[in-house]
Protein backbone atom coordinates (compact mmCIF):
# COMPACT_ATOMS: atom_id res chain seq x y z
CA MET A 1 -12.65 -5.37 4.20
CA SER A 2 -9.21 -4.44 5.48
CA ALA A 3 -6.13 -6.48 4.61
CA SER A 4 -4.99 -5.99 8.20
CA SER A 5 -8.31 -7.14 9.71
CA HIS A 6 -6.66 -10.29 11.08
CA THR A 7 -4.69 -8.05 13.47
CA ARG A 8 -8.00 -6.93 15.01
CA ASP A 9 -9.49 -10.38 15.71
CA HIS A 10 -11.17 -10.76 12.31
CA ARG A 11 -9.01 -13.53 10.91
CA TYR A 12 -11.45 -14.68 8.21
CA ALA A 13 -12.79 -11.32 6.99
CA ALA A 14 -11.06 -11.70 3.62
CA GLU A 15 -12.42 -15.20 3.05
CA LEU A 16 -15.93 -14.09 3.99
CA THR A 17 -15.68 -11.05 1.72
CA ALA A 18 -14.55 -13.22 -1.19
CA GLY A 19 -17.66 -15.35 -0.74
CA VAL A 20 -19.97 -12.32 -0.53
CA LEU A 21 -18.42 -10.76 -3.64
CA ALA A 22 -18.81 -14.04 -5.57
CA TRP A 23 -22.48 -14.16 -4.55
CA LEU A 24 -23.06 -10.55 -5.60
CA SER A 25 -21.28 -11.14 -8.92
CA ARG A 26 -23.37 -14.26 -9.55
CA HIS A 27 -26.53 -12.15 -9.28
CA GLY A 28 -25.22 -9.33 -11.48
CA ARG A 29 -25.04 -6.69 -8.76
CA ARG A 30 -23.18 -3.41 -9.22
CA ILE A 31 -19.95 -3.72 -7.24
CA VAL A 32 -17.38 -1.00 -6.63
CA ASN A 33 -14.02 -2.75 -6.16
CA GLY A 34 -15.05 -6.32 -6.81
CA PRO A 35 -13.34 -9.73 -6.60
CA ARG A 36 -10.20 -8.66 -8.46
CA ALA A 37 -9.69 -5.70 -6.11
CA LEU A 38 -9.94 -8.03 -3.11
CA ASP A 39 -7.52 -10.50 -4.69
CA LEU A 40 -4.86 -7.81 -5.11
CA GLU A 41 -5.57 -6.32 -1.67
CA ILE A 42 -4.74 -9.54 0.17
CA SER A 43 -1.66 -10.57 -1.83
CA LYS A 44 1.19 -8.22 -2.55
CA ALA A 45 2.81 -10.93 -4.68
CA ARG A 46 -0.19 -10.99 -7.03
CA GLN A 47 -0.36 -7.18 -6.81
CA TYR A 48 3.22 -6.79 -8.03
CA ALA A 49 2.64 -9.28 -10.83
CA ALA A 50 -0.36 -7.23 -12.00
CA LEU A 51 1.58 -3.94 -11.77
CA GLU A 52 4.48 -5.37 -13.76
CA ALA A 53 2.10 -6.78 -16.37
CA ALA A 54 0.85 -3.20 -16.81
CA GLY A 55 4.39 -1.96 -17.40
CA ILE A 56 4.67 -0.29 -13.99
CA GLN A 57 8.07 -0.47 -12.28
CA THR A 58 8.11 -2.18 -8.85
CA PRO A 59 11.02 -2.79 -6.47
CA LYS A 60 12.81 -6.13 -6.87
CA THR A 61 10.80 -8.52 -4.69
CA VAL A 62 11.22 -12.18 -3.74
CA LEU A 63 8.42 -14.32 -2.30
CA VAL A 64 9.60 -16.54 0.58
CA ALA A 65 7.53 -19.34 2.13
CA GLY A 66 8.92 -20.18 5.56
CA VAL A 67 10.98 -18.20 8.05
CA GLU A 68 13.83 -20.69 7.79
CA LEU A 69 14.45 -19.62 4.18
CA LEU A 70 14.67 -15.86 4.75
CA VAL A 71 18.44 -15.60 5.25
CA THR A 72 19.22 -17.90 2.32
CA ALA A 73 16.90 -15.92 0.05
CA ALA A 74 18.38 -12.59 1.17
CA ASP A 75 21.92 -13.81 0.48
CA ARG A 76 21.00 -15.31 -2.87
CA HIS A 77 18.94 -12.43 -4.27
CA PHE A 78 20.25 -9.32 -2.50
CA ALA A 79 23.87 -10.25 -1.70
CA GLY A 80 23.82 -8.70 1.76
CA ALA A 81 22.31 -5.37 0.67
CA PRO A 82 19.62 -3.72 2.85
CA VAL A 83 16.18 -5.31 2.41
CA ILE A 84 12.62 -4.64 3.43
CA LEU A 85 10.76 -7.57 4.99
CA LYS A 86 6.99 -7.39 4.70
CA PRO A 87 4.07 -9.81 4.95
CA ASN A 88 2.37 -10.85 1.72
CA ARG A 89 -0.95 -9.86 3.28
CA GLY A 90 -0.55 -6.68 5.25
CA GLY A 91 -2.04 -3.26 5.83
CA LYS A 92 -1.15 0.07 7.43
CA GLY A 93 2.54 -0.84 7.12
CA LEU A 94 2.15 -3.42 9.89
CA GLY A 95 4.97 -5.96 9.99
CA VAL A 96 7.17 -4.01 7.55
CA ARG A 97 10.79 -3.90 8.71
CA LEU A 98 14.08 -2.66 7.30
CA PHE A 99 17.23 -4.75 7.74
CA HIS A 100 20.57 -3.23 6.79
CA ASN A 101 22.28 -6.61 6.42
CA THR A 102 21.57 -10.33 6.36
CA GLU A 103 22.91 -10.85 9.89
CA ALA A 104 20.30 -8.49 11.32
CA LEU A 105 17.57 -10.27 9.35
CA GLY A 106 18.73 -13.63 10.71
CA THR A 107 18.78 -12.35 14.27
CA TYR A 108 15.20 -11.12 13.93
CA ALA A 109 14.00 -14.33 12.29
CA ALA A 110 15.36 -16.37 15.21
CA SER A 111 14.09 -14.03 17.91
CA GLY A 112 10.95 -13.98 20.02
CA THR A 113 9.85 -10.74 18.32
CA TYR A 114 9.46 -12.43 14.92
CA GLU A 115 5.92 -12.04 13.55
CA ALA A 116 4.70 -14.78 11.22
CA PRO A 117 2.61 -13.57 8.24
CA VAL A 118 -1.02 -14.63 8.41
CA ASP A 119 -0.72 -16.55 5.11
CA GLY A 120 2.80 -17.85 5.83
CA LEU A 121 4.31 -15.84 2.97
CA HIS A 122 7.02 -13.20 3.35
CA LEU A 123 8.29 -10.69 0.83
CA LEU A 124 11.92 -9.65 0.72
CA GLN A 125 12.11 -6.38 -1.16
CA GLN A 126 14.77 -4.06 -2.48
CA TYR A 127 15.21 -1.09 -0.16
CA VAL A 128 14.60 2.08 -2.16
CA ARG A 129 15.97 5.11 -0.35
CA SER A 130 14.20 8.41 -0.93
CA PRO A 131 16.61 11.35 -0.54
CA GLU A 132 13.88 13.29 1.29
CA ALA A 133 12.38 10.40 3.33
CA LEU A 134 9.09 10.78 1.47
CA ILE A 135 6.70 8.52 -0.37
CA THR A 136 3.76 9.67 -2.50
CA ARG A 137 0.26 8.26 -2.40
CA ALA A 138 -1.99 8.96 -5.38
CA GLU A 139 -5.71 8.78 -4.68
CA PHE A 140 -8.30 7.68 -7.26
CA VAL A 141 -12.09 7.79 -7.16
CA GLY A 142 -14.20 6.44 -10.00
CA GLY A 143 -10.96 5.20 -11.55
CA LYS A 144 -9.73 8.78 -12.04
CA PHE A 145 -6.92 10.62 -10.31
CA LEU A 146 -8.12 12.87 -7.49
CA TYR A 147 -5.01 14.16 -5.69
CA ALA A 148 -1.61 13.09 -4.40
CA VAL A 149 -0.33 13.25 -0.86
CA GLU A 150 3.30 13.18 0.25
CA VAL A 151 3.94 11.12 3.38
CA ASP A 152 6.91 11.65 5.67
CA THR A 153 8.51 8.23 6.30
CA SER A 154 11.18 9.36 8.74
CA ASP A 155 9.28 7.75 11.63
CA GLY A 156 8.88 4.36 9.93
CA PHE A 157 6.61 2.42 7.63
CA GLU A 158 3.20 2.60 9.32
CA LEU A 159 1.76 5.08 6.85
CA CYS A 160 -2.01 4.76 7.25
CA PRO A 161 -3.38 8.27 6.62
CA ALA A 162 -6.60 7.90 8.61
CA ASP A 163 -6.74 10.13 11.68
CA VAL A 164 -7.36 7.10 13.94
CA CYS A 165 -4.03 5.64 12.81
CA VAL A 166 -1.93 8.68 13.74
CA ALA A 167 0.07 8.05 16.89
CA GLY A 168 0.95 11.13 18.90
CA GLY A 169 0.96 14.44 17.05
CA ALA A 170 0.23 15.03 13.40
CA PHE A 171 3.70 16.46 12.85
CA CYS A 172 7.20 15.11 13.10
CA PRO A 173 10.53 16.94 13.08
CA ALA A 174 12.61 17.37 9.94
CA GLY A 175 15.57 19.69 10.30
CA GLU A 176 14.87 23.00 12.00
CA GLU A 177 11.17 23.08 11.18
CA ALA A 178 8.36 20.61 11.63
CA ARG A 179 6.67 19.26 8.54
CA ALA A 180 3.31 17.62 8.31
CA LYS A 181 3.19 13.83 8.21
CA PHE A 182 0.73 14.08 5.28
CA THR A 183 0.77 16.92 2.74
CA ILE A 184 -1.38 17.17 -0.38
CA VAL A 185 0.68 18.22 -3.40
CA ASP A 186 0.06 19.32 -6.98
CA GLY A 187 -0.55 16.27 -9.12
CA ILE A 188 1.84 13.58 -10.33
CA ASP A 189 3.59 12.95 -13.62
CA GLN A 190 0.98 12.68 -16.39
CA ALA A 191 2.47 9.50 -17.87
CA LEU A 192 2.45 7.80 -14.46
CA ARG A 193 -1.09 8.98 -13.83
CA SER A 194 -2.21 7.46 -17.15
CA GLN A 195 -0.46 4.18 -16.32
CA TYR A 196 -2.19 4.01 -12.96
CA GLU A 197 -5.63 4.77 -14.39
CA ALA A 198 -5.16 2.09 -17.07
CA PHE A 199 -4.02 -0.41 -14.42
CA LEU A 200 -7.08 0.28 -12.26
CA ALA A 201 -9.43 -0.06 -15.22
CA ALA A 202 -7.84 -3.36 -16.27
CA ASN A 203 -8.29 -4.76 -12.76
CA ASP A 204 -11.84 -3.50 -12.09
CA ILE A 205 -10.71 -1.15 -9.31
CA GLU A 206 -12.50 2.17 -8.98
CA VAL A 207 -11.39 3.47 -5.58
CA ALA A 208 -7.75 3.13 -4.58
CA GLY A 209 -4.63 4.74 -3.23
CA ILE A 210 -1.40 3.84 -5.04
CA GLU A 211 1.92 4.44 -3.30
CA PHE A 212 5.25 5.08 -4.98
CA ILE A 213 8.73 6.25 -4.06
CA ARG A 214 11.38 8.11 -6.04
CA ASP A 215 15.06 7.27 -5.50
CA ALA A 216 18.06 9.60 -5.67
CA ASP A 217 18.34 9.02 -9.44
CA GLY A 218 14.71 9.98 -10.05
CA MET A 219 13.55 6.40 -10.71
CA VAL A 220 9.96 5.80 -9.59
CA TYR A 221 9.04 2.50 -7.93
CA THR A 222 5.41 1.61 -7.23
CA TYR A 223 5.11 -0.65 -4.20
CA ASP A 224 1.53 -0.68 -2.88
CA VAL A 225 -2.06 -0.53 -4.10
CA ASN A 226 -4.66 0.11 -1.39
CA THR A 227 -8.16 -0.80 -2.54
CA ASN A 228 -9.87 0.37 0.64
CA THR A 229 -8.00 3.64 0.92
CA ASN A 230 -8.11 6.16 3.78
CA TYR A 231 -7.85 9.94 3.72
CA ASN A 232 -6.09 12.24 6.15
CA PRO A 233 -8.43 14.98 7.44
CA ASP A 234 -5.66 17.35 8.54
CA ALA A 235 -3.98 17.32 5.12
CA GLU A 236 -7.33 17.77 3.40
CA ALA A 237 -8.28 20.67 5.68
CA ARG A 238 -5.04 22.47 4.82
CA ALA A 239 -5.63 21.90 1.10
CA GLY A 240 -9.36 22.65 1.16
CA LEU A 241 -10.23 19.24 -0.29
CA SER A 242 -12.43 16.32 0.72
CA ALA A 243 -11.92 12.96 -0.94
CA MET A 244 -14.74 11.52 1.16
CA ALA A 245 -17.15 14.07 -0.35
CA VAL A 246 -15.98 13.13 -3.85
CA LEU A 247 -16.37 9.45 -3.00
CA ALA A 248 -19.88 10.06 -1.63
CA ARG A 249 -20.89 11.86 -4.83
CA PHE A 250 -19.46 9.05 -6.94
CA LEU A 251 -21.37 6.39 -4.99
CA GLY A 252 -24.51 8.52 -5.04
CA ASP A 253 -24.31 8.88 -8.82
CA GLU A 254 -23.86 5.11 -9.19
CA LEU A 255 -26.88 4.51 -6.99
CA GLN A 256 -28.96 6.91 -9.10
CA LYS A 257 -28.05 4.93 -12.23
CA LEU A 258 -29.72 1.88 -10.68
């Protein structure tokens, strides 16, 4: 079940999935990424609350119900500073926009290009600037860290790593040389890794990609948990890794236990 399924003519996929998961839970079935995973997948507001409860730093975020309140909320909570506008239920970075000031946000909100969130809830979020225009996505299978991938954000916020999501070439320019959109890197900070694994365990999530960004001062902000994660085949080919193979083994082992 994809959080962005409503953008592909499957408006009620999340509601159907919630019912199916409740039915499976009622009959004691083994579920990988159960009801709690779905709940966090379809609400970034609840996702951030869960991350903060686990002691994980998130960007300052304000939940706004109604387009008419966006400008007032931006003025009140961000005092004209740049903000990210995103839907509470999203996916693939769809609907995520950066506004450098409140006037630009107001112009968008009153324009014909405004996109209403499927659940009517917007998030206004602190804009965290990475000095290298990079975010990091940590992948977990079986609740354990697998690898991390750096994602070049210089082309915008649609950061889905699946090959079907890549528009145009797999590379984008950065300075004199081209760098890959997705690059697998050596690990992440051990303390952060432990925090993430504890968070996943506490929320009954076994397969996930968790995204974070580091600002110019080295502060790490976690801003997205993907509980139906995708893997980039080009990055994996360069690194000689296959998360899908690891996932298949994990699911196969769980099946054998039954």
